[in-house]
Amino acid sequence: MPRLQNKICVITGASEGLGLEIARAFAAEGAAVVMLARSADKLQARAAELRAAGHRALPITCDVGRTDQVQAAIAATLAEFGRLDVLVNNAAVAIPGDITDQTDADWHALLNINLLGVFRGIKFVLPAMLAQKSGSIINLASLQGDRSWDHWTTYAAAKGAMKAMTRQLAGQYGAQGVRFNCISPGAMDTPMNQARRAKEGEALYEANCRLHALGRMGRADEVNGAAVFLASDESSFVTGADLVVDGGLSVLTRA
């Protein structure tokens, strides 16, 4: 039997990158996937591909930086399916910069998506999960929540706070059947990093490859196994964990 048979799974930032690959993996394992993203056209196209392959996919245009849109997306999910089993908080933006040069606006823009977006998703799915006494919430964190990279203070602060929030909520709601876990990828060859590569040059890509014991960046689909595991009943005794999928980045010294 597929590992996520009949589970209802919401994935944010699902029109590309890690979110899209997780949606594809969940659908292949029997889940109905609710795909949230800001890009309506891209989102509709990706969901149509899944439906054409025989999977259940519901695209909902949603900016996780807006409370009203997150609330409406979760309400639409519950109206369609009557329950909600998994939430993957994946949507994120990257705003690098030296802390002495960054503005309040830079911090507000990043934290509104990367941290408050996670808060909003949890806030609106949690009542349904508590009512059914089951649920798995998976937060896409980063090694940058634990290690130092120059000029990434804002991003690191959001990911570190996400990890702290995950641990706190795991302790608070575990006895009520809702599990909270993180996945911390290494440097992944996603559209976000591909845009940086195009802007900053091949030296950035080569440096990112050298950071990893495996000598390369990760593929977007290489987080799928961890996400499926944490979404499935196979991880029923796992909560408050940070599952590192980093190609050995964390075992090497900083380049």
C-alpha atoms as a PDB file:
ATOM      1  CA  MET A   1       0.000   0.000   0.000  1.00  0.00           C
ATOM      2  CA  PRO A   2       1.286   3.525  -0.749  1.00  0.00           C
ATOM      3  CA  ARG A   3       2.789   5.129   2.337  1.00  0.00           C
ATOM      4  CA  LEU A   4       0.495   8.190   2.309  1.00  0.00           C
ATOM      5  CA  GLN A   5      -2.682   6.545   1.079  1.00  0.00           C
ATOM      6  CA  ASN A   6      -5.692   8.881   1.544  1.00  0.00           C
ATOM      7  CA  LYS A   7      -3.758  11.477   3.545  1.00  0.00           C
ATOM      8  CA  ILE A   8      -4.602  15.123   2.845  1.00  0.00           C
ATOM      9  CA  CYS A   9      -1.371  17.091   2.582  1.00  0.00           C
ATOM     10  CA  VAL A  10      -0.913  20.849   2.246  1.00  0.00           C
ATOM     11  CA  ILE A  11       2.407  22.084   0.842  1.00  0.00           C
ATOM     12  CA  THR A  12       3.323  25.774   0.664  1.00  0.00           C
ATOM     13  CA  GLY A  13       5.612  27.099  -2.033  1.00  0.00           C
ATOM     14  CA  ALA A  14       4.530  24.138  -4.163  1.00  0.00           C
ATOM     15  CA  SER A  15       4.881  25.579  -7.661  1.00  0.00           C
ATOM     16  CA  GLU A  16       8.629  24.898  -7.946  1.00  0.00           C
ATOM     17  CA  GLY A  17      11.734  23.668  -6.164  1.00  0.00           C
ATOM     18  CA  LEU A  18      11.527  21.590  -3.005  1.00  0.00           C
ATOM     19  CA  GLY A  19       7.806  22.227  -2.566  1.00  0.00           C
ATOM     20  CA  LEU A  20       6.931  20.947  -6.025  1.00  0.00           C
ATOM     21  CA  GLU A  21       9.094  17.846  -5.640  1.00  0.00           C
ATOM     22  CA  ILE A  22       7.538  17.085  -2.246  1.00  0.00           C
ATOM     23  CA  ALA A  23       4.053  17.476  -3.737  1.00  0.00           C
ATOM     24  CA  ARG A  24       4.975  15.046  -6.522  1.00  0.00           C
ATOM     25  CA  ALA A  25       6.410  12.533  -4.047  1.00  0.00           C
ATOM     26  CA  PHE A  26       3.376  12.754  -1.754  1.00  0.00           C
ATOM     27  CA  ALA A  27       0.996  12.291  -4.686  1.00  0.00           C
ATOM     28  CA  ALA A  28       2.947   9.245  -5.859  1.00  0.00           C
ATOM     29  CA  GLU A  29       2.524   7.773  -2.372  1.00  0.00           C
ATOM     30  CA  GLY A  30      -1.267   8.091  -2.530  1.00  0.00           C
ATOM     31  CA  ALA A  31      -1.872  11.470  -0.903  1.00  0.00           C
ATOM     32  CA  ALA A  32      -4.216  14.185  -2.053  1.00  0.00           C
ATOM     33  CA  VAL A  33      -1.966  17.237  -2.340  1.00  0.00           C
ATOM     34  CA  VAL A  34      -3.142  20.785  -1.762  1.00  0.00           C
ATOM     35  CA  MET A  35      -0.588  22.980  -3.502  1.00  0.00           C
ATOM     36  CA  LEU A  36      -0.196  26.554  -2.278  1.00  0.00           C
ATOM     37  CA  ALA A  37       1.886  29.215  -4.038  1.00  0.00           C
ATOM     38  CA  ARG A  38       1.732  32.826  -5.160  1.00  0.00           C
ATOM     39  CA  SER A  39       2.253  32.151  -8.876  1.00  0.00           C
ATOM     40  CA  ALA A  40      -1.228  31.191 -10.086  1.00  0.00           C
ATOM     41  CA  ASP A  41      -0.302  30.209 -13.651  1.00  0.00           C
ATOM     42  CA  LYS A  42       2.685  28.081 -12.662  1.00  0.00           C
ATOM     43  CA  LEU A  43       0.710  26.486  -9.837  1.00  0.00           C
ATOM     44  CA  GLN A  44      -2.219  25.553 -12.070  1.00  0.00           C
ATOM     45  CA  ALA A  45       0.151  24.031 -14.638  1.00  0.00           C
ATOM     46  CA  ARG A  46       1.972  21.878 -12.077  1.00  0.00           C
ATOM     47  CA  ALA A  47      -1.293  20.682 -10.526  1.00  0.00           C
ATOM     48  CA  ALA A  48      -2.649  19.843 -13.990  1.00  0.00           C
ATOM     49  CA  GLU A  49       0.414  17.673 -14.603  1.00  0.00           C
ATOM     50  CA  LEU A  50      -0.278  15.718 -11.426  1.00  0.00           C
ATOM     51  CA  ARG A  51      -3.961  15.276 -12.249  1.00  0.00           C
ATOM     52  CA  ALA A  52      -3.082  14.109 -15.761  1.00  0.00           C
ATOM     53  CA  ALA A  53      -0.943  11.405 -14.155  1.00  0.00           C
ATOM     54  CA  GLY A  54      -3.947  10.222 -12.133  1.00  0.00           C
ATOM     55  CA  HIS A  55      -3.171  11.967  -8.860  1.00  0.00           C
ATOM     56  CA  ARG A  56      -5.369  14.180  -6.709  1.00  0.00           C
ATOM     57  CA  ALA A  57      -4.121  17.772  -6.653  1.00  0.00           C
ATOM     58  CA  LEU A  58      -5.882  20.951  -5.555  1.00  0.00           C
ATOM     59  CA  PRO A  59      -4.047  24.193  -6.437  1.00  0.00           C
ATOM     60  CA  ILE A  60      -4.835  27.249  -4.322  1.00  0.00           C
ATOM     61  CA  THR A  61      -3.205  30.576  -5.037  1.00  0.00           C
ATOM     62  CA  CYS A  62      -1.948  31.767  -1.672  1.00  0.00           C
ATOM     63  CA  ASP A  63       0.627  34.224  -0.370  1.00  0.00           C
ATOM     64  CA  VAL A  64       1.746  32.925   3.036  1.00  0.00           C
ATOM     65  CA  GLY A  65       2.664  36.507   3.875  1.00  0.00           C
ATOM     66  CA  ARG A  66      -1.056  37.324   4.074  1.00  0.00           C
ATOM     67  CA  THR A  67      -3.098  35.990   6.967  1.00  0.00           C
ATOM     68  CA  ASP A  68      -6.405  36.201   5.112  1.00  0.00           C
ATOM     69  CA  GLN A  69      -5.109  34.117   2.221  1.00  0.00           C
ATOM     70  CA  VAL A  70      -3.651  31.394   4.452  1.00  0.00           C
ATOM     71  CA  GLN A  71      -6.870  31.202   6.463  1.00  0.00           C
ATOM     72  CA  ALA A  72      -8.941  30.969   3.260  1.00  0.00           C
ATOM     73  CA  ALA A  73      -6.671  28.260   1.804  1.00  0.00           C
ATOM     74  CA  ILE A  74      -6.979  26.056   4.873  1.00  0.00           C
ATOM     75  CA  ALA A  75     -10.739  26.621   5.008  1.00  0.00           C
ATOM     76  CA  ALA A  76     -10.997  25.611   1.335  1.00  0.00           C
ATOM     77  CA  THR A  77      -8.957  22.461   2.034  1.00  0.00           C
ATOM     78  CA  LEU A  78     -11.233  21.427   4.892  1.00  0.00           C
ATOM     79  CA  ALA A  79     -14.338  22.196   2.828  1.00  0.00           C
ATOM     80  CA  GLU A  80     -13.039  19.997   0.000  1.00  0.00           C
ATOM     81  CA  PHE A  81     -11.702  17.044   1.998  1.00  0.00           C
ATOM     82  CA  GLY A  82     -13.161  17.298   5.508  1.00  0.00           C
ATOM     83  CA  ARG A  83      -9.788  16.737   7.187  1.00  0.00           C
ATOM     84  CA  LEU A  84      -6.124  17.680   6.970  1.00  0.00           C
ATOM     85  CA  ASP A  85      -3.304  15.286   7.852  1.00  0.00           C
ATOM     86  CA  VAL A  86      -0.032  16.955   6.884  1.00  0.00           C
ATOM     87  CA  LEU A  87       1.246  20.515   6.534  1.00  0.00           C
ATOM     88  CA  VAL A  88       4.608  21.206   4.895  1.00  0.00           C
ATOM     89  CA  ASN A  89       5.792  24.756   5.523  1.00  0.00           C
ATOM     90  CA  ASN A  90       8.196  25.218   2.623  1.00  0.00           C
ATOM     91  CA  ALA A  91       7.557  28.698   1.179  1.00  0.00           C
ATOM     92  CA  ALA A  92      10.534  31.013   1.657  1.00  0.00           C
ATOM     93  CA  VAL A  93      12.378  33.984   0.219  1.00  0.00           C
ATOM     94  CA  ALA A  94      16.092  34.845   0.361  1.00  0.00           C
ATOM     95  CA  ILE A  95      17.284  38.371   1.146  1.00  0.00           C
ATOM     96  CA  PRO A  96      21.058  38.416   1.722  1.00  0.00           C
ATOM     97  CA  GLY A  97      22.978  41.415   2.960  1.00  0.00           C
ATOM     98  CA  ASP A  98      25.378  42.615   5.605  1.00  0.00           C
ATOM     99  CA  ILE A  99      23.543  43.370   8.833  1.00  0.00           C
ATOM    100  CA  THR A 100      24.995  46.894   8.903  1.00  0.00           C
ATOM    101  CA  ASP A 101      23.402  47.649   5.526  1.00  0.00           C
ATOM    102  CA  GLN A 102      20.043  45.951   5.890  1.00  0.00           C
ATOM    103  CA  THR A 103      16.920  47.910   6.657  1.00  0.00           C
ATOM    104  CA  ASP A 104      13.887  47.262   8.806  1.00  0.00           C
ATOM    105  CA  ALA A 105      12.002  46.652   5.573  1.00  0.00           C
ATOM    106  CA  ASP A 106      14.424  43.861   4.596  1.00  0.00           C
ATOM    107  CA  TRP A 107      13.852  42.112   7.909  1.00  0.00           C
ATOM    108  CA  HIS A 108      10.084  42.557   7.850  1.00  0.00           C
ATOM    109  CA  ALA A 109       9.864  41.242   4.267  1.00  0.00           C
ATOM    110  CA  LEU A 110      11.835  38.070   5.004  1.00  0.00           C
ATOM    111  CA  LEU A 111      10.383  37.304   8.415  1.00  0.00           C
ATOM    112  CA  ASN A 112       6.850  37.843   7.130  1.00  0.00           C
ATOM    113  CA  ILE A 113       7.290  34.917   4.715  1.00  0.00           C
ATOM    114  CA  ASN A 114       9.929  32.671   6.292  1.00  0.00           C
ATOM    115  CA  LEU A 115       8.729  32.806   9.891  1.00  0.00           C
ATOM    116  CA  LEU A 116       5.282  34.388  10.134  1.00  0.00           C
ATOM    117  CA  GLY A 117       4.215  32.345   7.116  1.00  0.00           C
ATOM    118  CA  VAL A 118       5.004  29.228   9.140  1.00  0.00           C
ATOM    119  CA  PHE A 119       3.100  30.607  12.131  1.00  0.00           C
ATOM    120  CA  ARG A 120       0.060  31.318   9.947  1.00  0.00           C
ATOM    121  CA  GLY A 121      -0.022  27.841   8.464  1.00  0.00           C
ATOM    122  CA  ILE A 122       0.236  26.190  11.866  1.00  0.00           C
ATOM    123  CA  LYS A 123      -2.345  28.527  13.413  1.00  0.00           C
ATOM    124  CA  PHE A 124      -5.025  27.578  10.907  1.00  0.00           C
ATOM    125  CA  VAL A 125      -4.372  23.835  10.498  1.00  0.00           C
ATOM    126  CA  LEU A 126      -3.872  23.055  14.173  1.00  0.00           C
ATOM    127  CA  PRO A 127      -7.539  23.187  15.289  1.00  0.00           C
ATOM    128  CA  ALA A 128      -8.508  20.540  12.716  1.00  0.00           C
ATOM    129  CA  MET A 129      -5.574  18.329  13.654  1.00  0.00           C
ATOM    130  CA  LEU A 130      -6.340  18.617  17.351  1.00  0.00           C
ATOM    131  CA  ALA A 131      -9.989  17.757  16.698  1.00  0.00           C
ATOM    132  CA  GLN A 132      -9.009  14.572  14.862  1.00  0.00           C
ATOM    133  CA  LYS A 133      -6.163  13.906  17.352  1.00  0.00           C
ATOM    134  CA  SER A 134      -3.601  13.391  14.608  1.00  0.00           C
ATOM    135  CA  GLY A 135      -1.400  15.370  12.280  1.00  0.00           C
ATOM    136  CA  SER A 136       2.133  15.913  11.081  1.00  0.00           C
ATOM    137  CA  ILE A 137       3.587  19.395  10.589  1.00  0.00           C
ATOM    138  CA  ILE A 138       6.887  19.538   8.724  1.00  0.00           C
ATOM    139  CA  ASN A 139       8.900  22.755   8.634  1.00  0.00           C
ATOM    140  CA  LEU A 140      11.601  23.209   5.997  1.00  0.00           C
ATOM    141  CA  ALA A 141      14.445  24.723   7.973  1.00  0.00           C
ATOM    142  CA  SER A 142      18.101  25.004   6.973  1.00  0.00           C
ATOM    143  CA  LEU A 143      21.643  24.363   8.166  1.00  0.00           C
ATOM    144  CA  GLN A 144      21.856  28.149   8.217  1.00  0.00           C
ATOM    145  CA  GLY A 145      19.889  28.013  11.448  1.00  0.00           C
ATOM    146  CA  ASP A 146      22.930  26.353  13.057  1.00  0.00           C
ATOM    147  CA  ARG A 147      25.999  27.567  11.177  1.00  0.00           C
ATOM    148  CA  SER A 148      27.494  30.861  10.039  1.00  0.00           C
ATOM    149  CA  TRP A 149      27.526  32.119   6.465  1.00  0.00           C
ATOM    150  CA  ASP A 150      28.556  35.688   5.730  1.00  0.00           C
ATOM    151  CA  HIS A 151      25.736  38.120   4.905  1.00  0.00           C
ATOM    152  CA  TRP A 152      22.844  35.739   5.685  1.00  0.00           C
ATOM    153  CA  THR A 153      21.861  36.936   9.165  1.00  0.00           C
ATOM    154  CA  THR A 154      18.195  37.523   8.366  1.00  0.00           C
ATOM    155  CA  TYR A 155      17.683  34.127   6.756  1.00  0.00           C
ATOM    156  CA  ALA A 156      19.572  32.372   9.557  1.00  0.00           C
ATOM    157  CA  ALA A 157      17.526  34.166  12.205  1.00  0.00           C
ATOM    158  CA  ALA A 158      14.256  33.004  10.627  1.00  0.00           C
ATOM    159  CA  LYS A 159      15.388  29.394  10.232  1.00  0.00           C
ATOM    160  CA  GLY A 160      16.784  29.263  13.762  1.00  0.00           C
ATOM    161  CA  ALA A 161      13.529  30.628  15.144  1.00  0.00           C
ATOM    162  CA  MET A 162      11.603  28.052  13.087  1.00  0.00           C
ATOM    163  CA  LYS A 163      13.601  25.261  14.733  1.00  0.00           C
ATOM    164  CA  ALA A 164      12.925  26.649  18.200  1.00  0.00           C
ATOM    165  CA  MET A 165       9.218  26.971  17.431  1.00  0.00           C
ATOM    166  CA  THR A 166       9.145  23.378  16.149  1.00  0.00           C
ATOM    167  CA  ARG A 167      10.665  22.018  19.360  1.00  0.00           C
ATOM    168  CA  GLN A 168       8.353  24.076  21.553  1.00  0.00           C
ATOM    169  CA  LEU A 169       5.201  22.994  19.727  1.00  0.00           C
ATOM    170  CA  ALA A 170       6.307  19.347  19.632  1.00  0.00           C
ATOM    171  CA  GLY A 171       6.439  19.379  23.404  1.00  0.00           C
ATOM    172  CA  GLN A 172       3.151  21.199  23.791  1.00  0.00           C
ATOM    173  CA  TYR A 173       0.991  19.148  21.428  1.00  0.00           C
ATOM    174  CA  GLY A 174       2.583  15.695  21.309  1.00  0.00           C
ATOM    175  CA  ALA A 175       0.159  14.146  23.796  1.00  0.00           C
ATOM    176  CA  GLN A 176      -2.711  15.403  21.618  1.00  0.00           C
ATOM    177  CA  GLY A 177      -1.511  13.486  18.585  1.00  0.00           C
ATOM    178  CA  VAL A 178       0.086  16.276  16.544  1.00  0.00           C
ATOM    179  CA  ARG A 179       3.752  15.917  15.620  1.00  0.00           C
ATOM    180  CA  PHE A 180       6.128  18.750  14.677  1.00  0.00           C
ATOM    181  CA  ASN A 181       9.448  18.145  12.917  1.00  0.00           C
ATOM    182  CA  CYS A 182      11.989  19.996  10.792  1.00  0.00           C
ATOM    183  CA  ILE A 183      14.009  19.081   7.750  1.00  0.00           C
ATOM    184  CA  SER A 184      17.313  20.940   7.364  1.00  0.00           C
ATOM    185  CA  PRO A 185      18.668  20.671   3.821  1.00  0.00           C
ATOM    186  CA  GLY A 186      22.140  21.635   2.743  1.00  0.00           C
ATOM    187  CA  ALA A 187      22.660  23.851  -0.311  1.00  0.00           C
ATOM    188  CA  MET A 188      20.113  22.631  -2.855  1.00  0.00           C
ATOM    189  CA  ASP A 189      20.091  23.252  -6.594  1.00  0.00           C
ATOM    190  CA  THR A 190      16.664  24.872  -6.517  1.00  0.00           C
ATOM    191  CA  PRO A 191      15.342  27.779  -8.614  1.00  0.00           C
ATOM    192  CA  MET A 192      16.223  30.151  -5.741  1.00  0.00           C
ATOM    193  CA  ASN A 193      19.888  29.084  -5.820  1.00  0.00           C
ATOM    194  CA  GLN A 194      19.887  28.851  -9.611  1.00  0.00           C
ATOM    195  CA  ALA A 195      18.871  32.527  -9.720  1.00  0.00           C
ATOM    196  CA  ARG A 196      21.762  33.363  -7.396  1.00  0.00           C
ATOM    197  CA  ARG A 197      24.114  31.338  -9.603  1.00  0.00           C
ATOM    198  CA  ALA A 198      22.995  33.267 -12.693  1.00  0.00           C
ATOM    199  CA  LYS A 199      23.457  36.581 -10.905  1.00  0.00           C
ATOM    200  CA  GLU A 200      26.637  35.890  -8.921  1.00  0.00           C
ATOM    201  CA  GLY A 201      28.458  33.504 -11.271  1.00  0.00           C
ATOM    202  CA  GLU A 202      29.858  29.987 -11.359  1.00  0.00           C
ATOM    203  CA  ALA A 203      32.203  30.635  -8.435  1.00  0.00           C
ATOM    204  CA  LEU A 204      29.177  30.610  -6.133  1.00  0.00           C
ATOM    205  CA  TYR A 205      28.047  27.232  -7.459  1.00  0.00           C
ATOM    206  CA  GLU A 206      31.518  25.728  -7.182  1.00  0.00           C
ATOM    207  CA  ALA A 207      31.935  27.035  -3.632  1.00  0.00           C
ATOM    208  CA  ASN A 208      28.582  25.537  -2.640  1.00  0.00           C
ATOM    209  CA  CYS A 209      29.630  22.172  -4.080  1.00  0.00           C
ATOM    210  CA  ARG A 210      32.859  22.212  -2.047  1.00  0.00           C
ATOM    211  CA  LEU A 211      30.915  22.744   1.179  1.00  0.00           C
ATOM    212  CA  HIS A 212      29.472  19.223   1.010  1.00  0.00           C
ATOM    213  CA  ALA A 213      31.204  15.938   1.775  1.00  0.00           C
ATOM    214  CA  LEU A 214      29.499  14.513  -1.330  1.00  0.00           C
ATOM    215  CA  GLY A 215      31.127  17.228  -3.440  1.00  0.00           C
ATOM    216  CA  ARG A 216      27.939  18.616  -4.960  1.00  0.00           C
ATOM    217  CA  MET A 217      24.771  20.517  -4.204  1.00  0.00           C
ATOM    218  CA  GLY A 218      21.599  18.574  -3.521  1.00  0.00           C
ATOM    219  CA  ARG A 219      18.872  17.986  -6.075  1.00  0.00           C
ATOM    220  CA  ALA A 220      15.423  19.325  -5.272  1.00  0.00           C
ATOM    221  CA  ASP A 221      13.997  15.790  -5.131  1.00  0.00           C
ATOM    222  CA  GLU A 222      16.552  14.582  -2.568  1.00  0.00           C
ATOM    223  CA  VAL A 223      14.476  15.957   0.314  1.00  0.00           C
ATOM    224  CA  ASN A 224      11.509  13.803  -0.730  1.00  0.00           C
ATOM    225  CA  GLY A 225      12.451  10.718   1.268  1.00  0.00           C
ATOM    226  CA  ALA A 226      12.702  12.675   4.509  1.00  0.00           C
ATOM    227  CA  ALA A 227       9.422  14.473   3.844  1.00  0.00           C
ATOM    228  CA  VAL A 228       7.527  11.266   3.000  1.00  0.00           C
ATOM    229  CA  PHE A 229       8.916   9.585   6.116  1.00  0.00           C
ATOM    230  CA  LEU A 230       7.851  12.438   8.415  1.00  0.00           C
ATOM    231  CA  ALA A 231       4.420  12.650   6.765  1.00  0.00           C
ATOM    232  CA  SER A 232       3.804   8.919   7.019  1.00  0.00           C
ATOM    233  CA  ASP A 233       2.841   6.683   9.913  1.00  0.00           C
ATOM    234  CA  GLU A 234       6.371   5.250   9.777  1.00  0.00           C
ATOM    235  CA  SER A 235       7.457   8.279  11.825  1.00  0.00           C
ATOM    236  CA  SER A 236       4.661   7.940  14.396  1.00  0.00           C
ATOM    237  CA  PHE A 237       7.181   8.081  17.289  1.00  0.00           C
ATOM    238  CA  VAL A 238       9.183  11.002  15.858  1.00  0.00           C
ATOM    239  CA  THR A 239       8.486  14.538  17.044  1.00  0.00           C
ATOM    240  CA  GLY A 240      10.648  17.538  17.846  1.00  0.00           C
ATOM    241  CA  ALA A 241      13.334  16.246  15.482  1.00  0.00           C
ATOM    242  CA  ASP A 242      15.477  18.092  12.960  1.00  0.00           C
ATOM    243  CA  LEU A 243      16.200  15.674  10.119  1.00  0.00           C
ATOM    244  CA  VAL A 244      19.395  16.794   8.378  1.00  0.00           C
ATOM    245  CA  VAL A 245      19.580  16.163   4.621  1.00  0.00           C
ATOM    246  CA  ASP A 246      22.768  18.016   3.771  1.00  0.00           C
ATOM    247  CA  GLY A 247      25.156  15.849   1.741  1.00  0.00           C
ATOM    248  CA  GLY A 248      27.627  15.982   4.602  1.00  0.00           C
ATOM    249  CA  LEU A 249      27.777  19.774   4.790  1.00  0.00           C
ATOM    250  CA  SER A 250      27.540  19.730   8.587  1.00  0.00           C
ATOM    251  CA  VAL A 251      30.486  17.345   9.002  1.00  0.00           C
ATOM    252  CA  LEU A 252      32.976  19.523   7.130  1.00  0.00           C
ATOM    253  CA  THR A 253      34.705  22.659   8.337  1.00  0.00           C
ATOM    254  CA  ARG A 254      33.462  25.958   6.961  1.00  0.00           C
ATOM    255  CA  ALA A 255      35.040  26.738   3.592  1.00  0.00           C
END
